[in-house]
Amino acid sequence: MHDTTALLVELGAVILGLGLVGRFAGRIGLSPIPLYLLAGLAFGHGGLIPLDASEEFTMVGAEIGVILLLLLLGLEYSASELVTSLKTQYPSGAVDFVLNATPGAVAALILGWGPVGAVALAGVTWISSSGVIAKVMTDLGRLGNRETPVILGVLVMEDLAMAIYLPLLTAMLAGVSLAGGSLALVIALGAVGLVLYLALRHGRLISRAVSS
């Protein structure tokens, strides 16, 4: 009973605090994302007040929230629009890769972290948070703007690139042989290709089956 009470009290305080923060951000015309991040730094591990009772529940809720947010963003565009965006925005994706991944790789090499560290830090500086960016665009009412497809195209290319990057990085960190890393890469690419194929070729049939 004590654990349940502490959980409810902590969750209530967190929700109330975030609501006030969001209200304040709306008053001054800003997205609440930066203020939410500052609030997260102020509490929990290393913060002013620990949130031990609600930590696990909050983590699960955060994962569900990100999934629903990305789902909402995906509902704004069809599979054909996504592929068209990828075809037209790949130069932007290439520029995004060069400008963001290169500094991380160079910094890792300067620090003496070696090739594996360079690959890892390049991914850190390259990849953006789709959830955070989607939330900011939603809060600012920019989903219908002309530049939004370009931004979404770059984000999608980053997410698809993770299907290649993460298996390779995992293999490098684990010291797996080239054959093992190649197998993981083939599986990841196959999964991504299958999803895109089904969405493009049989999207309507799948939608009808799910709706019925």
N, C-alpha and C. Protein backbone atom coordinates (compact mmCIF):
# COMPACT_ATOMS: atom_id res chain seq x y z
N MET A 1 0.83 -1.21 0.00
CA MET A 1 0.00 0.00 0.00
C MET A 1 0.86 1.26 0.00
N HIS A 2 1.95 1.21 0.82
CA HIS A 2 2.84 2.37 0.89
C HIS A 2 3.47 2.65 -0.47
N ASP A 3 3.92 1.59 -1.16
CA ASP A 3 4.54 1.78 -2.48
C ASP A 3 3.55 2.37 -3.48
N THR A 4 2.31 1.88 -3.43
CA THR A 4 1.29 2.40 -4.34
C THR A 4 0.99 3.86 -4.07
N THR A 5 0.91 4.22 -2.79
CA THR A 5 0.65 5.61 -2.43
C THR A 5 1.78 6.52 -2.90
N ALA A 6 3.03 6.07 -2.68
CA ALA A 6 4.18 6.87 -3.11
C ALA A 6 4.19 7.04 -4.63
N LEU A 7 3.83 5.95 -5.34
CA LEU A 7 3.79 6.02 -6.80
C LEU A 7 2.77 7.05 -7.28
N LEU A 8 1.57 7.00 -6.71
CA LEU A 8 0.51 7.92 -7.12
C LEU A 8 0.86 9.37 -6.78
N VAL A 9 1.47 9.57 -5.60
CA VAL A 9 1.85 10.93 -5.20
C VAL A 9 2.91 11.48 -6.14
N GLU A 10 3.92 10.66 -6.45
CA GLU A 10 4.99 11.11 -7.35
C GLU A 10 4.45 11.40 -8.74
N LEU A 11 3.61 10.50 -9.26
CA LEU A 11 3.05 10.72 -10.60
C LEU A 11 2.18 11.97 -10.64
N GLY A 12 1.38 12.16 -9.60
CA GLY A 12 0.55 13.36 -9.55
C GLY A 12 1.38 14.63 -9.52
N ALA A 13 2.45 14.61 -8.73
CA ALA A 13 3.32 15.78 -8.65
C ALA A 13 4.02 16.04 -9.98
N VAL A 14 4.47 14.96 -10.63
CA VAL A 14 5.15 15.10 -11.92
C VAL A 14 4.21 15.65 -12.98
N ILE A 15 3.00 15.08 -13.06
CA ILE A 15 2.03 15.54 -14.06
C ILE A 15 1.63 16.99 -13.81
N LEU A 16 1.42 17.34 -12.54
CA LEU A 16 1.07 18.73 -12.21
C LEU A 16 2.21 19.67 -12.59
N GLY A 17 3.44 19.28 -12.24
CA GLY A 17 4.58 20.12 -12.56
C GLY A 17 4.77 20.30 -14.06
N LEU A 18 4.64 19.20 -14.81
CA LEU A 18 4.79 19.29 -16.27
C LEU A 18 3.67 20.11 -16.89
N GLY A 19 2.47 20.01 -16.32
CA GLY A 19 1.37 20.82 -16.82
C GLY A 19 1.64 22.31 -16.63
N LEU A 20 2.17 22.66 -15.46
CA LEU A 20 2.50 24.06 -15.21
C LEU A 20 3.62 24.54 -16.12
N VAL A 21 4.61 23.67 -16.33
CA VAL A 21 5.71 24.02 -17.22
C VAL A 21 5.20 24.23 -18.65
N GLY A 22 4.34 23.31 -19.11
CA GLY A 22 3.78 23.45 -20.44
C GLY A 22 2.94 24.70 -20.58
N ARG A 23 2.19 25.03 -19.54
CA ARG A 23 1.38 26.25 -19.57
C ARG A 23 2.26 27.48 -19.66
N PHE A 24 3.34 27.48 -18.89
CA PHE A 24 4.27 28.61 -18.92
C PHE A 24 4.91 28.76 -20.29
N ALA A 25 5.32 27.62 -20.89
CA ALA A 25 5.92 27.66 -22.22
C ALA A 25 4.94 28.20 -23.25
N GLY A 26 3.67 27.80 -23.14
CA GLY A 26 2.67 28.32 -24.06
C GLY A 26 2.45 29.81 -23.90
N ARG A 27 2.57 30.29 -22.67
CA ARG A 27 2.38 31.72 -22.42
C ARG A 27 3.46 32.55 -23.09
N ILE A 28 4.69 32.05 -23.09
CA ILE A 28 5.80 32.82 -23.67
C ILE A 28 6.07 32.44 -25.12
N GLY A 29 5.24 31.54 -25.68
CA GLY A 29 5.34 31.20 -27.09
C GLY A 29 6.48 30.27 -27.44
N LEU A 30 6.88 29.40 -26.52
CA LEU A 30 7.95 28.44 -26.77
C LEU A 30 7.41 27.02 -26.73
N SER A 31 8.15 26.11 -27.36
CA SER A 31 7.83 24.70 -27.22
C SER A 31 8.23 24.25 -25.81
N PRO A 32 7.42 23.42 -25.17
CA PRO A 32 7.75 23.00 -23.81
C PRO A 32 8.88 21.98 -23.72
N ILE A 33 9.38 21.48 -24.87
CA ILE A 33 10.40 20.45 -24.86
C ILE A 33 11.63 20.84 -24.04
N PRO A 34 12.25 22.02 -24.28
CA PRO A 34 13.43 22.36 -23.47
C PRO A 34 13.14 22.43 -21.98
N LEU A 35 11.97 22.95 -21.62
CA LEU A 35 11.62 23.05 -20.21
C LEU A 35 11.37 21.67 -19.61
N TYR A 36 10.79 20.75 -20.40
CA TYR A 36 10.62 19.39 -19.92
C TYR A 36 11.97 18.74 -19.64
N LEU A 37 12.94 18.99 -20.52
CA LEU A 37 14.28 18.43 -20.33
C LEU A 37 14.93 18.99 -19.07
N LEU A 38 14.78 20.29 -18.85
CA LEU A 38 15.33 20.90 -17.64
C LEU A 38 14.67 20.34 -16.39
N ALA A 39 13.36 20.12 -16.47
CA ALA A 39 12.65 19.53 -15.33
C ALA A 39 13.15 18.12 -15.06
N GLY A 40 13.42 17.36 -16.12
CA GLY A 40 13.95 16.02 -15.93
C GLY A 40 15.33 16.02 -15.30
N LEU A 41 16.15 17.02 -15.65
CA LEU A 41 17.48 17.13 -15.05
C LEU A 41 17.40 17.55 -13.59
N ALA A 42 16.36 18.29 -13.23
CA ALA A 42 16.24 18.78 -11.86
C ALA A 42 15.82 17.70 -10.88
N PHE A 43 15.19 16.63 -11.38
CA PHE A 43 14.72 15.58 -10.50
C PHE A 43 15.29 14.23 -10.94
N GLY A 44 15.06 13.21 -10.14
CA GLY A 44 15.58 11.89 -10.49
C GLY A 44 17.04 11.74 -10.10
N HIS A 45 17.77 10.91 -10.83
CA HIS A 45 19.17 10.64 -10.52
C HIS A 45 20.00 11.91 -10.65
N GLY A 46 20.68 12.28 -9.57
CA GLY A 46 21.52 13.46 -9.58
C GLY A 46 20.78 14.76 -9.46
N GLY A 47 19.46 14.71 -9.31
CA GLY A 47 18.67 15.92 -9.21
C GLY A 47 18.38 16.30 -7.77
N LEU A 48 17.46 17.23 -7.61
CA LEU A 48 17.13 17.72 -6.28
C LEU A 48 16.34 16.70 -5.48
N ILE A 49 15.37 16.06 -6.13
CA ILE A 49 14.50 15.10 -5.45
C ILE A 49 14.46 13.82 -6.26
N PRO A 50 14.80 12.66 -5.67
CA PRO A 50 14.71 11.39 -6.41
C PRO A 50 13.27 10.97 -6.62
N LEU A 51 13.03 10.29 -7.73
CA LEU A 51 11.69 9.77 -8.05
C LEU A 51 11.78 8.26 -8.18
N ASP A 52 12.14 7.61 -7.08
CA ASP A 52 12.39 6.17 -7.13
C ASP A 52 11.12 5.36 -7.38
N ALA A 53 10.01 5.75 -6.76
CA ALA A 53 8.80 4.95 -6.84
C ALA A 53 8.22 4.91 -8.25
N SER A 54 8.30 6.01 -8.97
CA SER A 54 7.65 6.10 -10.28
C SER A 54 8.63 5.97 -11.45
N GLU A 55 9.90 5.66 -11.17
CA GLU A 55 10.89 5.64 -12.24
C GLU A 55 10.56 4.61 -13.32
N GLU A 56 10.27 3.38 -12.91
CA GLU A 56 9.98 2.33 -13.89
C GLU A 56 8.72 2.64 -14.68
N PHE A 57 7.68 3.09 -13.99
CA PHE A 57 6.43 3.42 -14.67
C PHE A 57 6.64 4.57 -15.66
N THR A 58 7.41 5.56 -15.26
CA THR A 58 7.67 6.71 -16.13
C THR A 58 8.43 6.30 -17.38
N MET A 59 9.39 5.39 -17.23
CA MET A 59 10.16 4.94 -18.39
C MET A 59 9.26 4.23 -19.40
N VAL A 60 8.38 3.36 -18.90
CA VAL A 60 7.45 2.65 -19.80
C VAL A 60 6.50 3.64 -20.46
N GLY A 61 5.98 4.57 -19.68
CA GLY A 61 5.08 5.58 -20.24
C GLY A 61 5.76 6.44 -21.29
N ALA A 62 7.04 6.77 -21.07
CA ALA A 62 7.77 7.57 -22.04
C ALA A 62 7.94 6.82 -23.35
N GLU A 63 8.24 5.53 -23.27
CA GLU A 63 8.39 4.74 -24.50
C GLU A 63 7.08 4.67 -25.27
N ILE A 64 5.97 4.47 -24.55
CA ILE A 64 4.66 4.43 -25.21
C ILE A 64 4.34 5.78 -25.84
N GLY A 65 4.66 6.86 -25.14
CA GLY A 65 4.40 8.19 -25.66
C GLY A 65 5.15 8.48 -26.95
N VAL A 66 6.42 8.08 -27.01
CA VAL A 66 7.21 8.30 -28.22
C VAL A 66 6.63 7.50 -29.38
N ILE A 67 6.22 6.26 -29.11
CA ILE A 67 5.63 5.42 -30.16
C ILE A 67 4.36 6.05 -30.71
N LEU A 68 3.49 6.52 -29.82
CA LEU A 68 2.24 7.14 -30.26
C LEU A 68 2.50 8.45 -31.01
N LEU A 69 3.51 9.20 -30.57
CA LEU A 69 3.83 10.45 -31.24
C LEU A 69 4.32 10.20 -32.66
N LEU A 70 5.20 9.22 -32.83
CA LEU A 70 5.70 8.89 -34.16
C LEU A 70 4.59 8.30 -35.03
N LEU A 71 3.67 7.54 -34.40
CA LEU A 71 2.53 7.03 -35.15
C LEU A 71 1.67 8.17 -35.67
N LEU A 72 1.42 9.16 -34.83
CA LEU A 72 0.63 10.32 -35.25
C LEU A 72 1.32 11.05 -36.40
N LEU A 73 2.64 11.16 -36.32
CA LEU A 73 3.38 11.81 -37.40
C LEU A 73 3.30 11.00 -38.68
N GLY A 74 3.36 9.68 -38.56
CA GLY A 74 3.28 8.82 -39.74
C GLY A 74 1.92 8.85 -40.40
N LEU A 75 0.87 9.10 -39.62
CA LEU A 75 -0.47 9.17 -40.19
C LEU A 75 -0.65 10.38 -41.10
N GLU A 76 0.24 11.36 -40.98
CA GLU A 76 0.13 12.56 -41.81
C GLU A 76 0.55 12.29 -43.25
N TYR A 77 1.27 11.18 -43.50
CA TYR A 77 1.83 10.93 -44.83
C TYR A 77 1.63 9.46 -45.19
N SER A 78 1.38 9.23 -46.48
CA SER A 78 1.22 7.86 -46.98
C SER A 78 2.58 7.29 -47.35
N ALA A 79 2.59 5.97 -47.65
CA ALA A 79 3.84 5.31 -48.01
C ALA A 79 4.39 5.86 -49.32
N SER A 80 3.51 6.15 -50.28
CA SER A 80 3.97 6.70 -51.56
C SER A 80 4.58 8.08 -51.38
N GLU A 81 3.96 8.90 -50.51
CA GLU A 81 4.53 10.22 -50.23
C GLU A 81 5.89 10.09 -49.56
N LEU A 82 6.03 9.08 -48.72
CA LEU A 82 7.31 8.85 -48.05
C LEU A 82 8.40 8.51 -49.06
N VAL A 83 8.10 7.59 -49.97
CA VAL A 83 9.09 7.19 -50.97
C VAL A 83 9.43 8.36 -51.88
N THR A 84 8.43 9.13 -52.27
CA THR A 84 8.68 10.31 -53.10
C THR A 84 9.58 11.30 -52.38
N SER A 85 9.33 11.47 -51.09
CA SER A 85 10.16 12.38 -50.30
C SER A 85 11.59 11.88 -50.22
N LEU A 86 11.77 10.57 -50.08
CA LEU A 86 13.12 10.01 -50.02
C LEU A 86 13.86 10.22 -51.34
N LYS A 87 13.13 10.08 -52.46
CA LYS A 87 13.77 10.25 -53.76
C LYS A 87 14.20 11.69 -54.00
N THR A 88 13.40 12.62 -53.53
CA THR A 88 13.69 14.03 -53.80
C THR A 88 14.60 14.67 -52.75
N GLN A 89 14.63 14.09 -51.54
CA GLN A 89 15.37 14.72 -50.46
C GLN A 89 16.69 14.02 -50.13
N TYR A 90 17.09 13.03 -50.94
CA TYR A 90 18.33 12.34 -50.59
C TYR A 90 19.56 13.26 -50.60
N PRO A 91 19.61 14.34 -51.44
CA PRO A 91 20.76 15.26 -51.30
C PRO A 91 20.81 15.91 -49.92
N SER A 92 19.64 16.27 -49.39
CA SER A 92 19.60 16.85 -48.05
C SER A 92 20.07 15.85 -47.01
N GLY A 93 19.71 14.58 -47.20
CA GLY A 93 20.18 13.55 -46.29
C GLY A 93 21.68 13.37 -46.35
N ALA A 94 22.25 13.47 -47.55
CA ALA A 94 23.70 13.35 -47.69
C ALA A 94 24.42 14.51 -47.00
N VAL A 95 23.89 15.72 -47.19
CA VAL A 95 24.48 16.89 -46.52
C VAL A 95 24.36 16.75 -45.01
N ASP A 96 23.21 16.27 -44.54
CA ASP A 96 23.00 16.04 -43.12
C ASP A 96 24.03 15.07 -42.56
N PHE A 97 24.32 14.00 -43.30
CA PHE A 97 25.30 13.02 -42.86
C PHE A 97 26.70 13.63 -42.78
N VAL A 98 27.10 14.34 -43.82
CA VAL A 98 28.45 14.90 -43.86
C VAL A 98 28.66 15.94 -42.76
N LEU A 99 27.69 16.84 -42.61
CA LEU A 99 27.85 17.94 -41.66
C LEU A 99 27.75 17.49 -40.21
N ASN A 100 27.00 16.42 -39.94
CA ASN A 100 26.78 16.01 -38.55
C ASN A 100 27.63 14.82 -38.12
N ALA A 101 27.85 13.87 -39.01
CA ALA A 101 28.64 12.69 -38.62
C ALA A 101 30.13 12.98 -38.62
N THR A 102 30.59 13.80 -39.54
CA THR A 102 32.03 14.07 -39.65
C THR A 102 32.62 14.69 -38.39
N PRO A 103 32.01 15.72 -37.79
CA PRO A 103 32.60 16.27 -36.57
C PRO A 103 32.75 15.25 -35.45
N GLY A 104 31.76 14.37 -35.29
CA GLY A 104 31.87 13.35 -34.25
C GLY A 104 33.00 12.38 -34.50
N ALA A 105 33.14 11.94 -35.75
CA ALA A 105 34.22 11.01 -36.08
C ALA A 105 35.58 11.67 -35.89
N VAL A 106 35.72 12.92 -36.33
CA VAL A 106 36.99 13.63 -36.19
C VAL A 106 37.33 13.85 -34.71
N ALA A 107 36.32 14.22 -33.91
CA ALA A 107 36.56 14.43 -32.48
C ALA A 107 37.03 13.14 -31.80
N ALA A 108 36.41 12.01 -32.17
CA ALA A 108 36.81 10.73 -31.58
C ALA A 108 38.25 10.37 -31.95
N LEU A 109 38.63 10.62 -33.18
CA LEU A 109 40.00 10.32 -33.60
C LEU A 109 40.99 11.23 -32.90
N ILE A 110 40.65 12.50 -32.72
CA ILE A 110 41.54 13.43 -32.01
C ILE A 110 41.72 13.00 -30.56
N LEU A 111 40.64 12.50 -29.94
CA LEU A 111 40.70 12.03 -28.55
C LEU A 111 41.39 10.69 -28.42
N GLY A 112 41.72 10.06 -29.54
CA GLY A 112 42.42 8.78 -29.49
C GLY A 112 41.52 7.59 -29.22
N TRP A 113 40.26 7.68 -29.60
CA TRP A 113 39.33 6.58 -29.33
C TRP A 113 39.38 5.49 -30.39
N GLY A 114 40.07 5.71 -31.46
CA GLY A 114 40.21 4.68 -32.48
C GLY A 114 39.05 4.65 -33.46
N PRO A 115 39.13 3.77 -34.45
CA PRO A 115 38.08 3.70 -35.49
C PRO A 115 36.70 3.35 -34.93
N VAL A 116 36.65 2.40 -33.98
CA VAL A 116 35.34 2.02 -33.43
C VAL A 116 34.71 3.19 -32.69
N GLY A 117 35.50 3.89 -31.89
CA GLY A 117 34.98 5.07 -31.21
C GLY A 117 34.55 6.15 -32.17
N ALA A 118 35.28 6.27 -33.29
CA ALA A 118 34.91 7.27 -34.30
C ALA A 118 33.56 6.94 -34.92
N VAL A 119 33.33 5.67 -35.22
CA VAL A 119 32.05 5.26 -35.80
C VAL A 119 30.91 5.49 -34.80
N ALA A 120 31.17 5.17 -33.52
CA ALA A 120 30.13 5.33 -32.50
C ALA A 120 29.78 6.80 -32.29
N LEU A 121 30.80 7.66 -32.15
CA LEU A 121 30.52 9.07 -31.90
C LEU A 121 29.95 9.75 -33.14
N ALA A 122 30.31 9.28 -34.33
CA ALA A 122 29.71 9.82 -35.54
C ALA A 122 28.20 9.59 -35.55
N GLY A 123 27.78 8.41 -35.10
CA GLY A 123 26.35 8.14 -35.01
C GLY A 123 25.65 9.02 -33.98
N VAL A 124 26.34 9.29 -32.87
CA VAL A 124 25.76 10.13 -31.82
C VAL A 124 25.51 11.54 -32.33
N THR A 125 26.49 12.10 -33.04
CA THR A 125 26.34 13.48 -33.53
C THR A 125 25.49 13.57 -34.79
N TRP A 126 25.30 12.45 -35.47
CA TRP A 126 24.55 12.46 -36.73
C TRP A 126 23.05 12.36 -36.52
N ILE A 127 22.63 11.37 -35.73
CA ILE A 127 21.21 11.04 -35.63
C ILE A 127 20.47 12.04 -34.75
N SER A 128 19.32 12.46 -35.22
CA SER A 128 18.45 13.36 -34.47
C SER A 128 17.35 12.56 -33.79
N SER A 129 16.73 13.16 -32.79
CA SER A 129 15.62 12.52 -32.10
C SER A 129 14.33 12.80 -32.85
N SER A 130 13.82 11.79 -33.54
CA SER A 130 12.58 11.96 -34.29
C SER A 130 11.42 12.35 -33.38
N GLY A 131 11.39 11.76 -32.18
CA GLY A 131 10.31 12.06 -31.26
C GLY A 131 10.30 13.51 -30.81
N VAL A 132 11.49 14.03 -30.46
CA VAL A 132 11.58 15.41 -30.01
C VAL A 132 11.22 16.37 -31.14
N ILE A 133 11.76 16.12 -32.33
CA ILE A 133 11.48 17.01 -33.46
C ILE A 133 10.01 16.97 -33.85
N ALA A 134 9.42 15.77 -33.83
CA ALA A 134 7.99 15.65 -34.14
C ALA A 134 7.15 16.41 -33.13
N LYS A 135 7.53 16.33 -31.86
CA LYS A 135 6.80 17.04 -30.81
C LYS A 135 6.92 18.55 -30.99
N VAL A 136 8.11 19.02 -31.32
CA VAL A 136 8.31 20.46 -31.52
C VAL A 136 7.49 20.95 -32.70
N MET A 137 7.51 20.21 -33.81
CA MET A 137 6.74 20.63 -34.98
C MET A 137 5.24 20.62 -34.69
N THR A 138 4.79 19.64 -33.91
CA THR A 138 3.38 19.59 -33.54
C THR A 138 3.00 20.77 -32.66
N ASP A 139 3.84 21.06 -31.66
CA ASP A 139 3.55 22.17 -30.76
C ASP A 139 3.53 23.51 -31.48
N LEU A 140 4.42 23.67 -32.44
CA LEU A 140 4.50 24.93 -33.17
C LEU A 140 3.55 25.00 -34.36
N GLY A 141 2.78 23.92 -34.60
CA GLY A 141 1.83 23.91 -35.70
C GLY A 141 2.48 23.97 -37.06
N ARG A 142 3.59 23.27 -37.24
CA ARG A 142 4.35 23.35 -38.48
C ARG A 142 4.24 22.09 -39.33
N LEU A 143 3.34 21.18 -38.99
CA LEU A 143 3.22 19.95 -39.77
C LEU A 143 2.76 20.22 -41.20
N GLY A 144 2.02 21.29 -41.41
CA GLY A 144 1.52 21.59 -42.75
C GLY A 144 2.38 22.56 -43.53
N ASN A 145 3.51 22.96 -42.98
CA ASN A 145 4.38 23.92 -43.66
C ASN A 145 5.11 23.29 -44.84
N ARG A 146 5.58 24.13 -45.75
CA ARG A 146 6.22 23.64 -46.97
C ARG A 146 7.55 22.95 -46.68
N GLU A 147 8.26 23.40 -45.65
CA GLU A 147 9.56 22.79 -45.35
C GLU A 147 9.47 21.50 -44.55
N THR A 148 8.27 21.19 -44.04
CA THR A 148 8.12 20.00 -43.21
C THR A 148 8.46 18.71 -43.94
N PRO A 149 8.04 18.50 -45.21
CA PRO A 149 8.43 17.27 -45.91
C PRO A 149 9.93 17.08 -46.01
N VAL A 150 10.67 18.18 -46.16
CA VAL A 150 12.14 18.07 -46.21
C VAL A 150 12.68 17.58 -44.88
N ILE A 151 12.18 18.16 -43.80
CA ILE A 151 12.63 17.76 -42.47
C ILE A 151 12.28 16.30 -42.21
N LEU A 152 11.05 15.92 -42.53
CA LEU A 152 10.63 14.54 -42.32
C LEU A 152 11.43 13.58 -43.19
N GLY A 153 11.73 14.01 -44.43
CA GLY A 153 12.53 13.16 -45.31
C GLY A 153 13.90 12.88 -44.73
N VAL A 154 14.53 13.91 -44.17
CA VAL A 154 15.85 13.74 -43.55
C VAL A 154 15.75 12.83 -42.33
N LEU A 155 14.71 13.03 -41.51
CA LEU A 155 14.53 12.19 -40.33
C LEU A 155 14.31 10.73 -40.71
N VAL A 156 13.51 10.50 -41.74
CA VAL A 156 13.25 9.13 -42.18
C VAL A 156 14.52 8.49 -42.71
N MET A 157 15.31 9.25 -43.47
CA MET A 157 16.57 8.71 -43.96
C MET A 157 17.52 8.37 -42.81
N GLU A 158 17.52 9.18 -41.78
CA GLU A 158 18.34 8.87 -40.60
C GLU A 158 17.86 7.59 -39.93
N ASP A 159 16.54 7.46 -39.78
CA ASP A 159 16.00 6.26 -39.14
C ASP A 159 16.27 5.01 -39.96
N LEU A 160 16.12 5.11 -41.29
CA LEU A 160 16.41 3.96 -42.15
C LEU A 160 17.90 3.63 -42.14
N ALA A 161 18.73 4.66 -42.06
CA ALA A 161 20.17 4.42 -42.00
C ALA A 161 20.56 3.66 -40.74
N MET A 162 19.77 3.80 -39.69
CA MET A 162 20.06 3.07 -38.45
C MET A 162 19.97 1.57 -38.66
N ALA A 163 19.16 1.14 -39.63
CA ALA A 163 19.07 -0.29 -39.92
C ALA A 163 20.39 -0.83 -40.44
N ILE A 164 21.20 0.04 -41.01
CA ILE A 164 22.53 -0.36 -41.47
C ILE A 164 23.58 -0.08 -40.40
N TYR A 165 23.45 1.09 -39.78
CA TYR A 165 24.48 1.55 -38.84
C TYR A 165 24.54 0.70 -37.57
N LEU A 166 23.39 0.46 -36.95
CA LEU A 166 23.39 -0.23 -35.66
C LEU A 166 23.94 -1.66 -35.74
N PRO A 167 23.53 -2.49 -36.72
CA PRO A 167 24.15 -3.82 -36.81
C PRO A 167 25.66 -3.76 -37.03
N LEU A 168 26.12 -2.82 -37.85
CA LEU A 168 27.55 -2.70 -38.07
C LEU A 168 28.27 -2.26 -36.80
N LEU A 169 27.70 -1.28 -36.09
CA LEU A 169 28.33 -0.82 -34.85
C LEU A 169 28.34 -1.92 -33.80
N THR A 170 27.23 -2.66 -33.70
CA THR A 170 27.17 -3.77 -32.74
C THR A 170 28.22 -4.81 -33.04
N ALA A 171 28.39 -5.14 -34.31
CA ALA A 171 29.40 -6.12 -34.70
C ALA A 171 30.80 -5.61 -34.39
N MET A 172 31.05 -4.33 -34.61
CA MET A 172 32.37 -3.77 -34.33
C MET A 172 32.65 -3.76 -32.84
N LEU A 173 31.66 -3.39 -32.03
CA LEU A 173 31.86 -3.35 -30.58
C LEU A 173 32.05 -4.74 -29.99
N ALA A 174 31.34 -5.72 -30.55
CA ALA A 174 31.44 -7.09 -30.04
C ALA A 174 32.61 -7.85 -30.63
N GLY A 175 33.27 -7.26 -31.62
CA GLY A 175 34.37 -7.96 -32.26
C GLY A 175 33.93 -9.15 -33.07
N VAL A 176 32.70 -9.08 -33.60
CA VAL A 176 32.17 -10.19 -34.39
C VAL A 176 32.87 -10.22 -35.74
N SER A 177 32.93 -11.39 -36.32
CA SER A 177 33.56 -11.55 -37.63
C SER A 177 32.76 -10.82 -38.70
N LEU A 178 33.38 -10.66 -39.85
CA LEU A 178 32.71 -9.98 -40.96
C LEU A 178 31.45 -10.72 -41.39
N ALA A 179 31.50 -12.05 -41.33
CA ALA A 179 30.33 -12.84 -41.73
C ALA A 179 29.16 -12.60 -40.77
N GLY A 180 29.46 -12.56 -39.46
CA GLY A 180 28.40 -12.32 -38.49
C GLY A 180 27.80 -10.94 -38.62
N GLY A 181 28.64 -9.92 -38.83
CA GLY A 181 28.13 -8.58 -39.03
C GLY A 181 27.33 -8.45 -40.31
N SER A 182 27.76 -9.13 -41.36
CA SER A 182 27.04 -9.08 -42.63
C SER A 182 25.67 -9.72 -42.50
N LEU A 183 25.58 -10.81 -41.73
CA LEU A 183 24.30 -11.48 -41.54
C LEU A 183 23.31 -10.57 -40.83
N ALA A 184 23.76 -9.88 -39.78
CA ALA A 184 22.88 -8.95 -39.07
C ALA A 184 22.44 -7.82 -39.98
N LEU A 185 23.36 -7.35 -40.83
CA LEU A 185 23.03 -6.28 -41.76
C LEU A 185 21.99 -6.73 -42.78
N VAL A 186 22.14 -7.94 -43.31
CA VAL A 186 21.19 -8.46 -44.29
C VAL A 186 19.80 -8.62 -43.68
N ILE A 187 19.75 -9.11 -42.45
CA ILE A 187 18.45 -9.27 -41.78
C ILE A 187 17.78 -7.92 -41.58
N ALA A 188 18.55 -6.93 -41.13
CA ALA A 188 17.97 -5.60 -40.90
C ALA A 188 17.47 -4.97 -42.19
N LEU A 189 18.28 -5.06 -43.25
CA LEU A 189 17.86 -4.50 -44.53
C LEU A 189 16.65 -5.23 -45.09
N GLY A 190 16.60 -6.55 -44.89
CA GLY A 190 15.45 -7.31 -45.35
C GLY A 190 14.17 -6.91 -44.64
N ALA A 191 14.26 -6.66 -43.33
CA ALA A 191 13.08 -6.25 -42.57
C ALA A 191 12.58 -4.89 -43.04
N VAL A 192 13.50 -3.94 -43.23
CA VAL A 192 13.10 -2.61 -43.70
C VAL A 192 12.51 -2.68 -45.10
N GLY A 193 13.15 -3.43 -45.98
CA GLY A 193 12.64 -3.57 -47.35
C GLY A 193 11.28 -4.22 -47.39
N LEU A 194 11.06 -5.22 -46.53
CA LEU A 194 9.77 -5.90 -46.50
C LEU A 194 8.66 -4.96 -46.06
N VAL A 195 8.93 -4.17 -45.03
CA VAL A 195 7.92 -3.22 -44.54
C VAL A 195 7.57 -2.20 -45.61
N LEU A 196 8.59 -1.65 -46.28
CA LEU A 196 8.34 -0.67 -47.34
C LEU A 196 7.58 -1.30 -48.51
N TYR A 197 7.93 -2.53 -48.87
CA TYR A 197 7.25 -3.20 -49.97
C TYR A 197 5.78 -3.43 -49.65
N LEU A 198 5.50 -3.93 -48.45
CA LEU A 198 4.11 -4.18 -48.06
C LEU A 198 3.32 -2.88 -48.01
N ALA A 199 3.95 -1.81 -47.51
CA ALA A 199 3.24 -0.53 -47.42
C ALA A 199 2.92 0.04 -48.79
N LEU A 200 3.83 -0.14 -49.75
CA LEU A 200 3.62 0.43 -51.08
C LEU A 200 2.69 -0.42 -51.93
N ARG A 201 2.91 -1.73 -51.93
CA ARG A 201 2.18 -2.61 -52.83
C ARG A 201 0.84 -3.08 -52.28
N HIS A 202 0.80 -3.28 -50.98
CA HIS A 202 -0.41 -3.88 -50.40
C HIS A 202 -0.94 -3.06 -49.22
N GLY A 203 -0.61 -1.76 -49.21
CA GLY A 203 -1.05 -0.92 -48.09
C GLY A 203 -2.55 -0.85 -47.95
N ARG A 204 -3.27 -0.74 -49.08
CA ARG A 204 -4.73 -0.65 -49.01
C ARG A 204 -5.35 -1.94 -48.52
N LEU A 205 -4.83 -3.07 -48.99
CA LEU A 205 -5.38 -4.35 -48.54
C LEU A 205 -5.15 -4.55 -47.05
N ILE A 206 -3.96 -4.18 -46.59
CA ILE A 206 -3.66 -4.32 -45.16
C ILE A 206 -4.56 -3.40 -44.34
N SER A 207 -4.77 -2.18 -44.83
CA SER A 207 -5.64 -1.24 -44.12
C SER A 207 -7.07 -1.76 -44.03
N ARG A 208 -7.56 -2.35 -45.14
CA ARG A 208 -8.91 -2.90 -45.12
C ARG A 208 -9.02 -4.08 -44.17
N ALA A 209 -7.99 -4.92 -44.16
CA ALA A 209 -8.01 -6.08 -43.27
C ALA A 209 -8.00 -5.65 -41.81
N VAL A 210 -7.19 -4.64 -41.50
CA VAL A 210 -7.13 -4.16 -40.12
C VAL A 210 -8.43 -3.48 -39.72
N SER A 211 -9.00 -2.69 -40.67
CA SER A 211 -10.24 -1.97 -40.36
C SER A 211 -11.42 -2.91 -40.15
N SER A 212 -11.43 -4.01 -40.90
CA SER A 212 -12.54 -4.95 -40.77
C SER A 212 -12.37 -5.82 -39.53
